[in-house]
Amino acid sequence: MNQEQYRHFANKLAFETDPADVRIELESGECDFVLLDARSREAYAGGHLPGAVSLPYREISAESTAAFDKNRLIVTYCWSPACNAAAKAGLRLSELGFAVKEMFGGVEYWQKEGGQLHS
């Protein structure tokens, strides 16, 4: 086994997820994470993943996350692979002591994989 490659992919999976894995968790009824929409409140109102909370990355602070459980994983997402709001949210949440994963592909790939949006 190539240890360098192994560490690379293990590190990726420690901090990233995808729409299919999120959907499986949501549909299982045993979802163990908070799904956070890091886009603007307007974008969230226009359609978001089921169960997601809206917290635009620019608004993330100790005050805005005070009700969040630091023992619970937060999965961030934004619009698409071309959007970095989810990564910015992950950075801010990490600075505040939360465990975070980014859902790659965002809303765009959620829909491409057949996921529906809620309004």
PDB file of N, CA and C in Angstrom:
ATOM      1  N   MET A   1       0.849  -1.182   0.000  1.00  0.00           N
ATOM      2  CA  MET A   1       0.000   0.000   0.000  1.00  0.00           C
ATOM      3  C   MET A   1       0.890   1.240   0.000  1.00  0.00           C
ATOM      4  N   ASN A   2       0.515   2.217  -0.800  1.00  0.00           N
ATOM      5  CA  ASN A   2       1.213   3.495  -0.844  1.00  0.00           C
ATOM      6  C   ASN A   2       0.648   4.378   0.279  1.00  0.00           C
ATOM      7  N   GLN A   3       1.410   4.596   1.325  1.00  0.00           N
ATOM      8  CA  GLN A   3       0.951   5.343   2.502  1.00  0.00           C
ATOM      9  C   GLN A   3       0.581   6.782   2.175  1.00  0.00           C
ATOM     10  N   GLU A   4       1.333   7.408   1.282  1.00  0.00           N
ATOM     11  CA  GLU A   4       1.058   8.800   0.921  1.00  0.00           C
ATOM     12  C   GLU A   4      -0.313   8.915   0.241  1.00  0.00           C
ATOM     13  N   GLN A   5      -0.583   8.019  -0.683  1.00  0.00           N
ATOM     14  CA  GLN A   5      -1.892   8.018  -1.340  1.00  0.00           C
ATOM     15  C   GLN A   5      -3.002   7.728  -0.334  1.00  0.00           C
ATOM     16  N   TYR A   6      -2.762   6.741   0.513  1.00  0.00           N
ATOM     17  CA  TYR A   6      -3.765   6.377   1.513  1.00  0.00           C
ATOM     18  C   TYR A   6      -4.114   7.584   2.386  1.00  0.00           C
ATOM     19  N   ARG A   7      -3.106   8.278   2.893  1.00  0.00           N
ATOM     20  CA  ARG A   7      -3.342   9.468   3.738  1.00  0.00           C
ATOM     21  C   ARG A   7      -4.116  10.534   2.973  1.00  0.00           C
ATOM     22  N   HIS A   8      -3.773  10.738   1.714  1.00  0.00           N
ATOM     23  CA  HIS A   8      -4.463  11.732   0.894  1.00  0.00           C
ATOM     24  C   HIS A   8      -5.956  11.441   0.825  1.00  0.00           C
ATOM     25  N   PHE A   9      -6.302  10.201   0.459  1.00  0.00           N
ATOM     26  CA  PHE A   9      -7.715   9.870   0.295  1.00  0.00           C
ATOM     27  C   PHE A   9      -8.437   9.767   1.636  1.00  0.00           C
ATOM     28  N   ALA A  10      -7.774   9.306   2.654  1.00  0.00           N
ATOM     29  CA  ALA A  10      -8.383   9.257   3.984  1.00  0.00           C
ATOM     30  C   ALA A  10      -8.686  10.672   4.472  1.00  0.00           C
ATOM     31  N   ASN A  11      -7.762  11.603   4.239  1.00  0.00           N
ATOM     32  CA  ASN A  11      -7.985  12.996   4.636  1.00  0.00           C
ATOM     33  C   ASN A  11      -9.129  13.621   3.855  1.00  0.00           C
ATOM     34  N   LYS A  12      -9.196  13.336   2.566  1.00  0.00           N
ATOM     35  CA  LYS A  12     -10.306  13.853   1.747  1.00  0.00           C
ATOM     36  C   LYS A  12     -11.649  13.399   2.306  1.00  0.00           C
ATOM     37  N   LEU A  13     -11.763  12.109   2.562  1.00  0.00           N
ATOM     38  CA  LEU A  13     -13.037  11.563   3.036  1.00  0.00           C
ATOM     39  C   LEU A  13     -13.373  12.013   4.456  1.00  0.00           C
ATOM     40  N   ALA A  14     -12.383  12.418   5.204  1.00  0.00           N
ATOM     41  CA  ALA A  14     -12.634  12.913   6.558  1.00  0.00           C
ATOM     42  C   ALA A  14     -13.343  14.266   6.539  1.00  0.00           C
ATOM     43  N   PHE A  15     -13.190  15.018   5.438  1.00  0.00           N
ATOM     44  CA  PHE A  15     -13.714  16.382   5.399  1.00  0.00           C
ATOM     45  C   PHE A  15     -14.653  16.654   4.238  1.00  0.00           C
ATOM     46  N   GLU A  16     -14.938  15.652   3.420  1.00  0.00           N
ATOM     47  CA  GLU A  16     -15.804  15.826   2.257  1.00  0.00           C
ATOM     48  C   GLU A  16     -16.855  14.727   2.220  1.00  0.00           C
ATOM     49  N   THR A  17     -18.000  15.058   1.640  1.00  0.00           N
ATOM     50  CA  THR A  17     -19.036  14.076   1.377  1.00  0.00           C
ATOM     51  C   THR A  17     -19.671  14.441   0.043  1.00  0.00           C
ATOM     52  N   ASP A  18     -20.637  13.671  -0.394  1.00  0.00           N
ATOM     53  CA  ASP A  18     -21.276  13.977  -1.670  1.00  0.00           C
ATOM     54  C   ASP A  18     -22.794  13.879  -1.529  1.00  0.00           C
ATOM     55  N   PRO A  19     -23.529  14.362  -2.528  1.00  0.00           N
ATOM     56  CA  PRO A  19     -24.988  14.351  -2.443  1.00  0.00           C
ATOM     57  C   PRO A  19     -25.584  12.970  -2.209  1.00  0.00           C
ATOM     58  N   ALA A  20     -25.007  11.936  -2.809  1.00  0.00           N
ATOM     59  CA  ALA A  20     -25.558  10.586  -2.635  1.00  0.00           C
ATOM     60  C   ALA A  20     -25.472  10.144  -1.180  1.00  0.00           C
ATOM     61  N   ASP A  21     -24.333  10.365  -0.544  1.00  0.00           N
ATOM     62  CA  ASP A  21     -24.183   9.974   0.856  1.00  0.00           C
ATOM     63  C   ASP A  21     -25.099  10.785   1.767  1.00  0.00           C
ATOM     64  N   VAL A  22     -25.231  12.075   1.495  1.00  0.00           N
ATOM     65  CA  VAL A  22     -26.130  12.918   2.295  1.00  0.00           C
ATOM     66  C   VAL A  22     -27.567  12.433   2.141  1.00  0.00           C
ATOM     67  N   ARG A  23     -27.949  12.144   0.924  1.00  0.00           N
ATOM     68  CA  ARG A  23     -29.323  11.681   0.661  1.00  0.00           C
ATOM     69  C   ARG A  23     -29.619  10.360   1.382  1.00  0.00           C
ATOM     70  N   ILE A  24     -28.687   9.425   1.347  1.00  0.00           N
ATOM     71  CA  ILE A  24     -28.861   8.145   2.041  1.00  0.00           C
ATOM     72  C   ILE A  24     -29.069   8.381   3.538  1.00  0.00           C
ATOM     73  N   GLU A  25     -28.257   9.252   4.117  1.00  0.00           N
ATOM     74  CA  GLU A  25     -28.398   9.571   5.542  1.00  0.00           C
ATOM     75  C   GLU A  25     -29.757  10.202   5.843  1.00  0.00           C
ATOM     76  N   LEU A  26     -30.158  11.176   5.025  1.00  0.00           N
ATOM     77  CA  LEU A  26     -31.435  11.847   5.249  1.00  0.00           C
ATOM     78  C   LEU A  26     -32.597  10.858   5.140  1.00  0.00           C
ATOM     79  N   GLU A  27     -32.551  10.004   4.144  1.00  0.00           N
ATOM     80  CA  GLU A  27     -33.639   9.053   3.922  1.00  0.00           C
ATOM     81  C   GLU A  27     -33.675   7.935   4.960  1.00  0.00           C
ATOM     82  N   SER A  28     -32.554   7.686   5.634  1.00  0.00           N
ATOM     83  CA  SER A  28     -32.504   6.618   6.639  1.00  0.00           C
ATOM     84  C   SER A  28     -33.294   6.975   7.890  1.00  0.00           C
ATOM     85  N   GLY A  29     -33.523   8.277   8.085  1.00  0.00           N
ATOM     86  CA  GLY A  29     -34.205   8.719   9.296  1.00  0.00           C
ATOM     87  C   GLY A  29     -33.278   8.766  10.497  1.00  0.00           C
ATOM     88  N   GLU A  30     -32.026   8.433  10.308  1.00  0.00           N
ATOM     89  CA  GLU A  30     -31.051   8.440  11.395  1.00  0.00           C
ATOM     90  C   GLU A  30     -29.908   9.394  11.073  1.00  0.00           C
ATOM     91  N   CYS A  31     -30.268  10.547  10.566  1.00  0.00           N
ATOM     92  CA  CYS A  31     -29.286  11.551  10.166  1.00  0.00           C
ATOM     93  C   CYS A  31     -28.573  12.076  11.414  1.00  0.00           C
ATOM     94  N   ASP A  32     -27.251  11.969  11.431  1.00  0.00           N
ATOM     95  CA  ASP A  32     -26.490  12.391  12.606  1.00  0.00           C
ATOM     96  C   ASP A  32     -25.697  13.678  12.377  1.00  0.00           C
ATOM     97  N   PHE A  33     -26.165  14.518  11.472  1.00  0.00           N
ATOM     98  CA  PHE A  33     -25.480  15.781  11.213  1.00  0.00           C
ATOM     99  C   PHE A  33     -26.484  16.898  10.995  1.00  0.00           C
ATOM    100  N   VAL A  34     -25.995  18.118  11.113  1.00  0.00           N
ATOM    101  CA  VAL A  34     -26.762  19.311  10.764  1.00  0.00           C
ATOM    102  C   VAL A  34     -26.393  19.651   9.328  1.00  0.00           C
ATOM    103  N   LEU A  35     -27.381  19.840   8.485  1.00  0.00           N
ATOM    104  CA  LEU A  35     -27.157  20.209   7.093  1.00  0.00           C
ATOM    105  C   LEU A  35     -27.290  21.721   6.991  1.00  0.00           C
ATOM    106  N   LEU A  36     -26.209  22.385   6.615  1.00  0.00           N
ATOM    107  CA  LEU A  36     -26.167  23.846   6.633  1.00  0.00           C
ATOM    108  C   LEU A  36     -26.012  24.403   5.223  1.00  0.00           C
ATOM    109  N   ASP A  37     -26.981  25.208   4.819  1.00  0.00           N
ATOM    110  CA  ASP A  37     -26.956  25.899   3.532  1.00  0.00           C
ATOM    111  C   ASP A  37     -26.203  27.209   3.729  1.00  0.00           C
ATOM    112  N   ALA A  38     -25.036  27.323   3.125  1.00  0.00           N
ATOM    113  CA  ALA A  38     -24.164  28.481   3.313  1.00  0.00           C
ATOM    114  C   ALA A  38     -24.426  29.606   2.316  1.00  0.00           C
ATOM    115  N   ARG A  39     -25.426  29.424   1.443  1.00  0.00           N
ATOM    116  CA  ARG A  39     -25.756  30.455   0.443  1.00  0.00           C
ATOM    117  C   ARG A  39     -26.533  31.598   1.094  1.00  0.00           C
ATOM    118  N   SER A  40     -26.888  32.579   0.297  1.00  0.00           N
ATOM    119  CA  SER A  40     -27.672  33.709   0.801  1.00  0.00           C
ATOM    120  C   SER A  40     -29.046  33.237   1.252  1.00  0.00           C
ATOM    121  N   ARG A  41     -29.688  34.010   2.087  1.00  0.00           N
ATOM    122  CA  ARG A  41     -31.039  33.674   2.558  1.00  0.00           C
ATOM    123  C   ARG A  41     -32.027  33.647   1.386  1.00  0.00           C
ATOM    124  N   GLU A  42     -31.811  34.496   0.389  1.00  0.00           N
ATOM    125  CA  GLU A  42     -32.672  34.514  -0.795  1.00  0.00           C
ATOM    126  C   GLU A  42     -32.540  33.215  -1.581  1.00  0.00           C
ATOM    127  N   ALA A  43     -31.325  32.755  -1.756  1.00  0.00           N
ATOM    128  CA  ALA A  43     -31.100  31.497  -2.470  1.00  0.00           C
ATOM    129  C   ALA A  43     -31.739  30.336  -1.703  1.00  0.00           C
ATOM    130  N   TYR A  44     -31.593  30.325  -0.392  1.00  0.00           N
ATOM    131  CA  TYR A  44     -32.201  29.289   0.448  1.00  0.00           C
ATOM    132  C   TYR A  44     -33.719  29.296   0.279  1.00  0.00           C
ATOM    133  N   ALA A  45     -34.317  30.488   0.314  1.00  0.00           N
ATOM    134  CA  ALA A  45     -35.777  30.609   0.179  1.00  0.00           C
ATOM    135  C   ALA A  45     -36.247  30.118  -1.181  1.00  0.00           C
ATOM    136  N   GLY A  46     -35.395  30.217  -2.189  1.00  0.00           N
ATOM    137  CA  GLY A  46     -35.736  29.765  -3.534  1.00  0.00           C
ATOM    138  C   GLY A  46     -35.697  28.253  -3.692  1.00  0.00           C
ATOM    139  N   GLY A  47     -35.162  27.557  -2.731  1.00  0.00           N
ATOM    140  CA  GLY A  47     -35.091  26.095  -2.759  1.00  0.00           C
ATOM    141  C   GLY A  47     -33.847  25.601  -2.062  1.00  0.00           C
ATOM    142  N   HIS A  48     -34.014  24.648  -1.162  1.00  0.00           N
ATOM    143  CA  HIS A  48     -32.899  24.114  -0.383  1.00  0.00           C
ATOM    144  C   HIS A  48     -33.086  22.622  -0.136  1.00  0.00           C
ATOM    145  N   LEU A  49     -32.046  21.969   0.308  1.00  0.00           N
ATOM    146  CA  LEU A  49     -32.113  20.545   0.611  1.00  0.00           C
ATOM    147  C   LEU A  49     -33.039  20.322   1.806  1.00  0.00           C
ATOM    148  N   PRO A  50     -33.734  19.190   1.835  1.00  0.00           N
ATOM    149  CA  PRO A  50     -34.656  18.919   2.933  1.00  0.00           C
ATOM    150  C   PRO A  50     -33.926  18.891   4.276  1.00  0.00           C
ATOM    151  N   GLY A  51     -34.499  19.596   5.235  1.00  0.00           N
ATOM    152  CA  GLY A  51     -33.934  19.620   6.579  1.00  0.00           C
ATOM    153  C   GLY A  51     -32.791  20.588   6.782  1.00  0.00           C
ATOM    154  N   ALA A  52     -32.380  21.285   5.736  1.00  0.00           N
ATOM    155  CA  ALA A  52     -31.252  22.207   5.852  1.00  0.00           C
ATOM    156  C   ALA A  52     -31.641  23.464   6.621  1.00  0.00           C
ATOM    157  N   VAL A  53     -30.675  23.993   7.345  1.00  0.00           N
ATOM    158  CA  VAL A  53     -30.833  25.281   7.996  1.00  0.00           C
ATOM    159  C   VAL A  53     -30.071  26.313   7.181  1.00  0.00           C
ATOM    160  N   SER A  54     -30.574  27.515   7.182  1.00  0.00           N
ATOM    161  CA  SER A  54     -29.924  28.596   6.450  1.00  0.00           C
ATOM    162  C   SER A  54     -29.012  29.373   7.385  1.00  0.00           C
ATOM    163  N   LEU A  55     -27.745  29.433   7.029  1.00  0.00           N
ATOM    164  CA  LEU A  55     -26.796  30.289   7.729  1.00  0.00           C
ATOM    165  C   LEU A  55     -25.722  30.691   6.726  1.00  0.00           C
ATOM    166  N   PRO A  56     -25.949  31.817   6.035  1.00  0.00           N
ATOM    167  CA  PRO A  56     -24.961  32.269   5.058  1.00  0.00           C
ATOM    168  C   PRO A  56     -23.578  32.379   5.706  1.00  0.00           C
ATOM    169  N   TYR A  57     -22.559  31.981   4.985  1.00  0.00           N
ATOM    170  CA  TYR A  57     -21.223  31.922   5.569  1.00  0.00           C
ATOM    171  C   TYR A  57     -20.787  33.255   6.147  1.00  0.00           C
ATOM    172  N   ARG A  58     -21.235  34.355   5.577  1.00  0.00           N
ATOM    173  CA  ARG A  58     -20.849  35.684   6.078  1.00  0.00           C
ATOM    174  C   ARG A  58     -21.429  35.972   7.462  1.00  0.00           C
ATOM    175  N   GLU A  59     -22.465  35.233   7.844  1.00  0.00           N
ATOM    176  CA  GLU A  59     -23.117  35.456   9.137  1.00  0.00           C
ATOM    177  C   GLU A  59     -22.648  34.492  10.224  1.00  0.00           C
ATOM    178  N   ILE A  60     -21.744  33.610   9.906  1.00  0.00           N
ATOM    179  CA  ILE A  60     -21.296  32.622  10.889  1.00  0.00           C
ATOM    180  C   ILE A  60     -20.430  33.297  11.943  1.00  0.00           C
ATOM    181  N   SER A  61     -20.855  33.136  13.192  1.00  0.00           N
ATOM    182  CA  SER A  61     -20.132  33.703  14.334  1.00  0.00           C
ATOM    183  C   SER A  61     -20.450  32.856  15.559  1.00  0.00           C
ATOM    184  N   ALA A  62     -19.789  33.157  16.656  1.00  0.00           N
ATOM    185  CA  ALA A  62     -20.083  32.446  17.901  1.00  0.00           C
ATOM    186  C   ALA A  62     -21.537  32.668  18.292  1.00  0.00           C
ATOM    187  N   GLU A  63     -22.047  33.869  18.053  1.00  0.00           N
ATOM    188  CA  GLU A  63     -23.439  34.180  18.400  1.00  0.00           C
ATOM    189  C   GLU A  63     -24.425  33.435  17.506  1.00  0.00           C
ATOM    190  N   SER A  64     -24.188  33.404  16.205  1.00  0.00           N
ATOM    191  CA  SER A  64     -25.148  32.783  15.282  1.00  0.00           C
ATOM    192  C   SER A  64     -25.137  31.260  15.364  1.00  0.00           C
ATOM    193  N   THR A  65     -24.105  30.695  15.969  1.00  0.00           N
ATOM    194  CA  THR A  65     -24.020  29.238  16.095  1.00  0.00           C
ATOM    195  C   THR A  65     -24.165  28.775  17.540  1.00  0.00           C
ATOM    196  N   ALA A  66     -24.558  29.667  18.421  1.00  0.00           N
ATOM    197  CA  ALA A  66     -24.632  29.343  19.850  1.00  0.00           C
ATOM    198  C   ALA A  66     -25.558  28.160  20.135  1.00  0.00           C
ATOM    199  N   ALA A  67     -26.604  27.975  19.347  1.00  0.00           N
ATOM    200  CA  ALA A  67     -27.555  26.885  19.586  1.00  0.00           C
ATOM    201  C   ALA A  67     -27.088  25.560  18.974  1.00  0.00           C
ATOM    202  N   PHE A  68     -26.017  25.568  18.196  1.00  0.00           N
ATOM    203  CA  PHE A  68     -25.520  24.345  17.564  1.00  0.00           C
ATOM    204  C   PHE A  68     -24.768  23.497  18.587  1.00  0.00           C
ATOM    205  N   ASP A  69     -24.880  22.190  18.458  1.00  0.00           N
ATOM    206  CA  ASP A  69     -24.194  21.238  19.318  1.00  0.00           C
ATOM    207  C   ASP A  69     -22.797  20.982  18.760  1.00  0.00           C
ATOM    208  N   LYS A  70     -21.772  21.306  19.516  1.00  0.00           N
ATOM    209  CA  LYS A  70     -20.394  21.121  19.031  1.00  0.00           C
ATOM    210  C   LYS A  70     -20.010  19.655  18.919  1.00  0.00           C
ATOM    211  N   ASN A  71     -20.833  18.762  19.431  1.00  0.00           N
ATOM    212  CA  ASN A  71     -20.564  17.333  19.317  1.00  0.00           C
ATOM    213  C   ASN A  71     -21.239  16.719  18.095  1.00  0.00           C
ATOM    214  N   ARG A  72     -21.917  17.548  17.314  1.00  0.00           N
ATOM    215  CA  ARG A  72     -22.638  17.057  16.142  1.00  0.00           C
ATOM    216  C   ARG A  72     -21.977  17.590  14.871  1.00  0.00           C
ATOM    217  N   LEU A  73     -21.737  16.724  13.917  1.00  0.00           N
ATOM    218  CA  LEU A  73     -21.138  17.101  12.644  1.00  0.00           C
ATOM    219  C   LEU A  73     -22.034  18.081  11.903  1.00  0.00           C
ATOM    220  N   ILE A  74     -21.417  19.043  11.233  1.00  0.00           N
ATOM    221  CA  ILE A  74     -22.140  19.980  10.360  1.00  0.00           C
ATOM    222  C   ILE A  74     -21.673  19.710   8.934  1.00  0.00           C
ATOM    223  N   VAL A  75     -22.635  19.513   8.025  1.00  0.00           N
ATOM    224  CA  VAL A  75     -22.332  19.330   6.604  1.00  0.00           C
ATOM    225  C   VAL A  75     -22.772  20.605   5.890  1.00  0.00           C
ATOM    226  N   THR A  76     -21.820  21.281   5.267  1.00  0.00           N
ATOM    227  CA  THR A  76     -22.112  22.530   4.568  1.00  0.00           C
ATOM    228  C   THR A  76     -22.279  22.276   3.077  1.00  0.00           C
ATOM    229  N   TYR A  77     -23.096  23.105   2.448  1.00  0.00           N
ATOM    230  CA  TYR A  77     -23.211  23.054   0.985  1.00  0.00           C
ATOM    231  C   TYR A  77     -23.538  24.440   0.464  1.00  0.00           C
ATOM    232  N   CYS A  78     -23.305  24.623  -0.830  1.00  0.00           N
ATOM    233  CA  CYS A  78     -23.680  25.859  -1.514  1.00  0.00           C
ATOM    234  C   CYS A  78     -24.280  25.487  -2.858  1.00  0.00           C
ATOM    235  N   TRP A  79     -24.063  26.278  -3.880  1.00  0.00           N
ATOM    236  CA  TRP A  79     -24.757  26.060  -5.146  1.00  0.00           C
ATOM    237  C   TRP A  79     -24.155  24.936  -5.988  1.00  0.00           C
ATOM    238  N   SER A  80     -22.843  24.985  -6.239  1.00  0.00           N
ATOM    239  CA  SER A  80     -22.230  24.064  -7.202  1.00  0.00           C
ATOM    240  C   SER A  80     -20.746  23.922  -6.902  1.00  0.00           C
ATOM    241  N   PRO A  81     -20.037  23.103  -7.686  1.00  0.00           N
ATOM    242  CA  PRO A  81     -18.590  23.016  -7.497  1.00  0.00           C
ATOM    243  C   PRO A  81     -17.879  24.353  -7.745  1.00  0.00           C
ATOM    244  N   ALA A  82     -18.517  25.249  -8.459  1.00  0.00           N
ATOM    245  CA  ALA A  82     -17.918  26.554  -8.746  1.00  0.00           C
ATOM    246  C   ALA A  82     -18.132  27.551  -7.608  1.00  0.00           C
ATOM    247  N   CYS A  83     -18.888  27.171  -6.604  1.00  0.00           N
ATOM    248  CA  CYS A  83     -19.198  28.038  -5.463  1.00  0.00           C
ATOM    249  C   CYS A  83     -18.309  27.641  -4.291  1.00  0.00           C
ATOM    250  N   ASN A  84     -17.766  28.609  -3.572  1.00  0.00           N
ATOM    251  CA  ASN A  84     -16.934  28.247  -2.425  1.00  0.00           C
ATOM    252  C   ASN A  84     -17.531  28.685  -1.095  1.00  0.00           C
ATOM    253  N   ALA A  85     -18.817  29.015  -1.063  1.00  0.00           N
ATOM    254  CA  ALA A  85     -19.467  29.398   0.192  1.00  0.00           C
ATOM    255  C   ALA A  85     -19.426  28.266   1.208  1.00  0.00           C
ATOM    256  N   ALA A  86     -19.582  27.022   0.764  1.00  0.00           N
ATOM    257  CA  ALA A  86     -19.545  25.879   1.681  1.00  0.00           C
ATOM    258  C   ALA A  86     -18.161  25.739   2.311  1.00  0.00           C
ATOM    259  N   ALA A  87     -17.105  25.950   1.533  1.00  0.00           N
ATOM    260  CA  ALA A  87     -15.744  25.873   2.067  1.00  0.00           C
ATOM    261  C   ALA A  87     -15.492  27.020   3.046  1.00  0.00           C
ATOM    262  N   LYS A  88     -15.978  28.214   2.717  1.00  0.00           N
ATOM    263  CA  LYS A  88     -15.817  29.358   3.625  1.00  0.00           C
ATOM    264  C   LYS A  88     -16.581  29.117   4.922  1.00  0.00           C
ATOM    265  N   ALA A  89     -17.768  28.533   4.815  1.00  0.00           N
ATOM    266  CA  ALA A  89     -18.542  28.195   6.015  1.00  0.00           C
ATOM    267  C   ALA A  89     -17.783  27.159   6.838  1.00  0.00           C
ATOM    268  N   GLY A  90     -17.227  26.159   6.164  1.00  0.00           N
ATOM    269  CA  GLY A  90     -16.462  25.136   6.862  1.00  0.00           C
ATOM    270  C   GLY A  90     -15.276  25.713   7.609  1.00  0.00           C
ATOM    271  N   LEU A  91     -14.604  26.652   6.991  1.00  0.00           N
ATOM    272  CA  LEU A  91     -13.466  27.296   7.631  1.00  0.00           C
ATOM    273  C   LEU A  91     -13.907  28.044   8.890  1.00  0.00           C
ATOM    274  N   ARG A  92     -14.964  28.835   8.765  1.00  0.00           N
ATOM    275  CA  ARG A  92     -15.448  29.607   9.918  1.00  0.00           C
ATOM    276  C   ARG A  92     -15.953  28.703  11.032  1.00  0.00           C
ATOM    277  N   LEU A  93     -16.682  27.669  10.669  1.00  0.00           N
ATOM    278  CA  LEU A  93     -17.187  26.740  11.678  1.00  0.00           C
ATOM    279  C   LEU A  93     -16.042  26.000  12.362  1.00  0.00           C
ATOM    280  N   SER A  94     -15.035  25.622  11.600  1.00  0.00           N
ATOM    281  CA  SER A  94     -13.862  24.958  12.177  1.00  0.00           C
ATOM    282  C   SER A  94     -13.167  25.865  13.173  1.00  0.00           C
ATOM    283  N   GLU A  95     -13.056  27.140  12.827  1.00  0.00           N
ATOM    284  CA  GLU A  95     -12.435  28.106  13.738  1.00  0.00           C
ATOM    285  C   GLU A  95     -13.195  28.193  15.060  1.00  0.00           C
ATOM    286  N   LEU A  96     -14.508  27.921  15.014  1.00  0.00           N
ATOM    287  CA  LEU A  96     -15.354  27.985  16.210  1.00  0.00           C
ATOM    288  C   LEU A  96     -15.404  26.653  16.957  1.00  0.00           C
ATOM    289  N   GLY A  97     -14.701  25.644  16.454  1.00  0.00           N
ATOM    290  CA  GLY A  97     -14.610  24.378  17.158  1.00  0.00           C
ATOM    291  C   GLY A  97     -15.592  23.304  16.733  1.00  0.00           C
ATOM    292  N   PHE A  98     -16.264  23.497  15.591  1.00  0.00           N
ATOM    293  CA  PHE A  98     -17.211  22.499  15.095  1.00  0.00           C
ATOM    294  C   PHE A  98     -16.520  21.494  14.181  1.00  0.00           C
ATOM    295  N   ALA A  99     -17.056  20.279  14.150  1.00  0.00           N
ATOM    296  CA  ALA A  99     -16.624  19.270  13.179  1.00  0.00           C
ATOM    297  C   ALA A  99     -17.431  19.512  11.911  1.00  0.00           C
ATOM    298  N   VAL A 100     -16.760  19.588  10.773  1.00  0.00           N
ATOM    299  CA  VAL A 100     -17.412  19.985   9.533  1.00  0.00           C
ATOM    300  C   VAL A 100     -16.979  19.103   8.368  1.00  0.00           C
ATOM    301  N   LYS A 101     -17.936  18.832   7.484  1.00  0.00           N
ATOM    302  CA  LYS A 101     -17.659  18.248   6.170  1.00  0.00           C
ATOM    303  C   LYS A 101     -18.333  19.132   5.134  1.00  0.00           C
ATOM    304  N   GLU A 102     -17.741  19.202   3.966  1.00  0.00           N
ATOM    305  CA  GLU A 102     -18.327  19.928   2.836  1.00  0.00           C
ATOM    306  C   GLU A 102     -18.968  18.927   1.881  1.00  0.00           C
ATOM    307  N   MET A 103     -20.206  19.223   1.479  1.00  0.00           N
ATOM    308  CA  MET A 103     -20.866  18.387   0.474  1.00  0.00           C
ATOM    309  C   MET A 103     -20.505  18.932  -0.902  1.00  0.00           C
ATOM    310  N   PHE A 104     -19.661  18.190  -1.601  1.00  0.00           N
ATOM    311  CA  PHE A 104     -19.252  18.609  -2.935  1.00  0.00           C
ATOM    312  C   PHE A 104     -20.409  18.530  -3.919  1.00  0.00           C
ATOM    313  N   GLY A 105     -20.427  19.451  -4.855  1.00  0.00           N
ATOM    314  CA  GLY A 105     -21.457  19.457  -5.886  1.00  0.00           C
ATOM    315  C   GLY A 105     -22.615  20.363  -5.563  1.00  0.00           C
ATOM    316  N   GLY A 106     -22.890  20.560  -4.265  1.00  0.00           N
ATOM    317  CA  GLY A 106     -23.944  21.471  -3.835  1.00  0.00           C
ATOM    318  C   GLY A 106     -25.306  21.150  -4.413  1.00  0.00           C
ATOM    319  N   VAL A 107     -26.124  22.181  -4.489  1.00  0.00           N
ATOM    320  CA  VAL A 107     -27.491  22.058  -4.988  1.00  0.00           C
ATOM    321  C   VAL A 107     -27.505  21.515  -6.412  1.00  0.00           C
ATOM    322  N   GLU A 108     -26.570  21.971  -7.222  1.00  0.00           N
ATOM    323  CA  GLU A 108     -26.534  21.546  -8.620  1.00  0.00           C
ATOM    324  C   GLU A 108     -26.461  20.025  -8.739  1.00  0.00           C
ATOM    325  N   TYR A 109     -25.543  19.404  -8.020  1.00  0.00           N
ATOM    326  CA  TYR A 109     -25.388  17.959  -8.133  1.00  0.00           C
ATOM    327  C   TYR A 109     -26.425  17.195  -7.322  1.00  0.00           C
ATOM    328  N   TRP A 110     -26.954  17.819  -6.294  1.00  0.00           N
ATOM    329  CA  TRP A 110     -28.092  17.228  -5.577  1.00  0.00           C
ATOM    330  C   TRP A 110     -29.240  17.004  -6.560  1.00  0.00           C
ATOM    331  N   GLN A 111     -29.536  18.025  -7.351  1.00  0.00           N
ATOM    332  CA  GLN A 111     -30.623  17.927  -8.327  1.00  0.00           C
ATOM    333  C   GLN A 111     -30.260  16.976  -9.476  1.00  0.00           C
ATOM    334  N   LYS A 112     -29.008  16.988  -9.942  1.00  0.00           N
ATOM    335  CA  LYS A 112     -28.592  16.089 -11.018  1.00  0.00           C
ATOM    336  C   LYS A 112     -28.757  14.632 -10.607  1.00  0.00           C
ATOM    337  N   GLU A 113     -28.640  14.357  -9.302  1.00  0.00           N
ATOM    338  CA  GLU A 113     -28.789  12.998  -8.804  1.00  0.00           C
ATOM    339  C   GLU A 113     -30.236  12.683  -8.396  1.00  0.00           C
ATOM    340  N   GLY A 114     -31.167  13.575  -8.772  1.00  0.00           N
ATOM    341  CA  GLY A 114     -32.583  13.317  -8.525  1.00  0.00           C
ATOM    342  C   GLY A 114     -33.120  13.846  -7.224  1.00  0.00           C
ATOM    343  N   GLY A 115     -32.312  14.542  -6.463  1.00  0.00           N
ATOM    344  CA  GLY A 115     -32.769  15.120  -5.203  1.00  0.00           C
ATOM    345  C   GLY A 115     -33.700  16.300  -5.430  1.00  0.00           C
ATOM    346  N   GLN A 116     -34.702  16.382  -4.601  1.00  0.00           N
ATOM    347  CA  GLN A 116     -35.673  17.473  -4.697  1.00  0.00           C
ATOM    348  C   GLN A 116     -35.292  18.599  -3.735  1.00  0.00           C
ATOM    349  N   LEU A 117     -35.722  19.799  -4.077  1.00  0.00           N
ATOM    350  CA  LEU A 117     -35.517  20.949  -3.200  1.00  0.00           C
ATOM    351  C   LEU A 117     -36.815  21.280  -2.477  1.00  0.00           C
ATOM    352  N   HIS A 118     -36.687  21.817  -1.287  1.00  0.00           N
ATOM    353  CA  HIS A 118     -37.837  22.273  -0.505  1.00  0.00           C
ATOM    354  C   HIS A 118     -37.823  23.794  -0.492  1.00  0.00           C
ATOM    355  N   SER A 119     -38.985  24.363  -0.341  1.00  0.00           N
ATOM    356  CA  SER A 119     -39.022  25.837  -0.261  1.00  0.00           C
ATOM    357  C   SER A 119     -39.732  26.268   0.981  1.00  0.00           C
TER     358      SER A 119
END
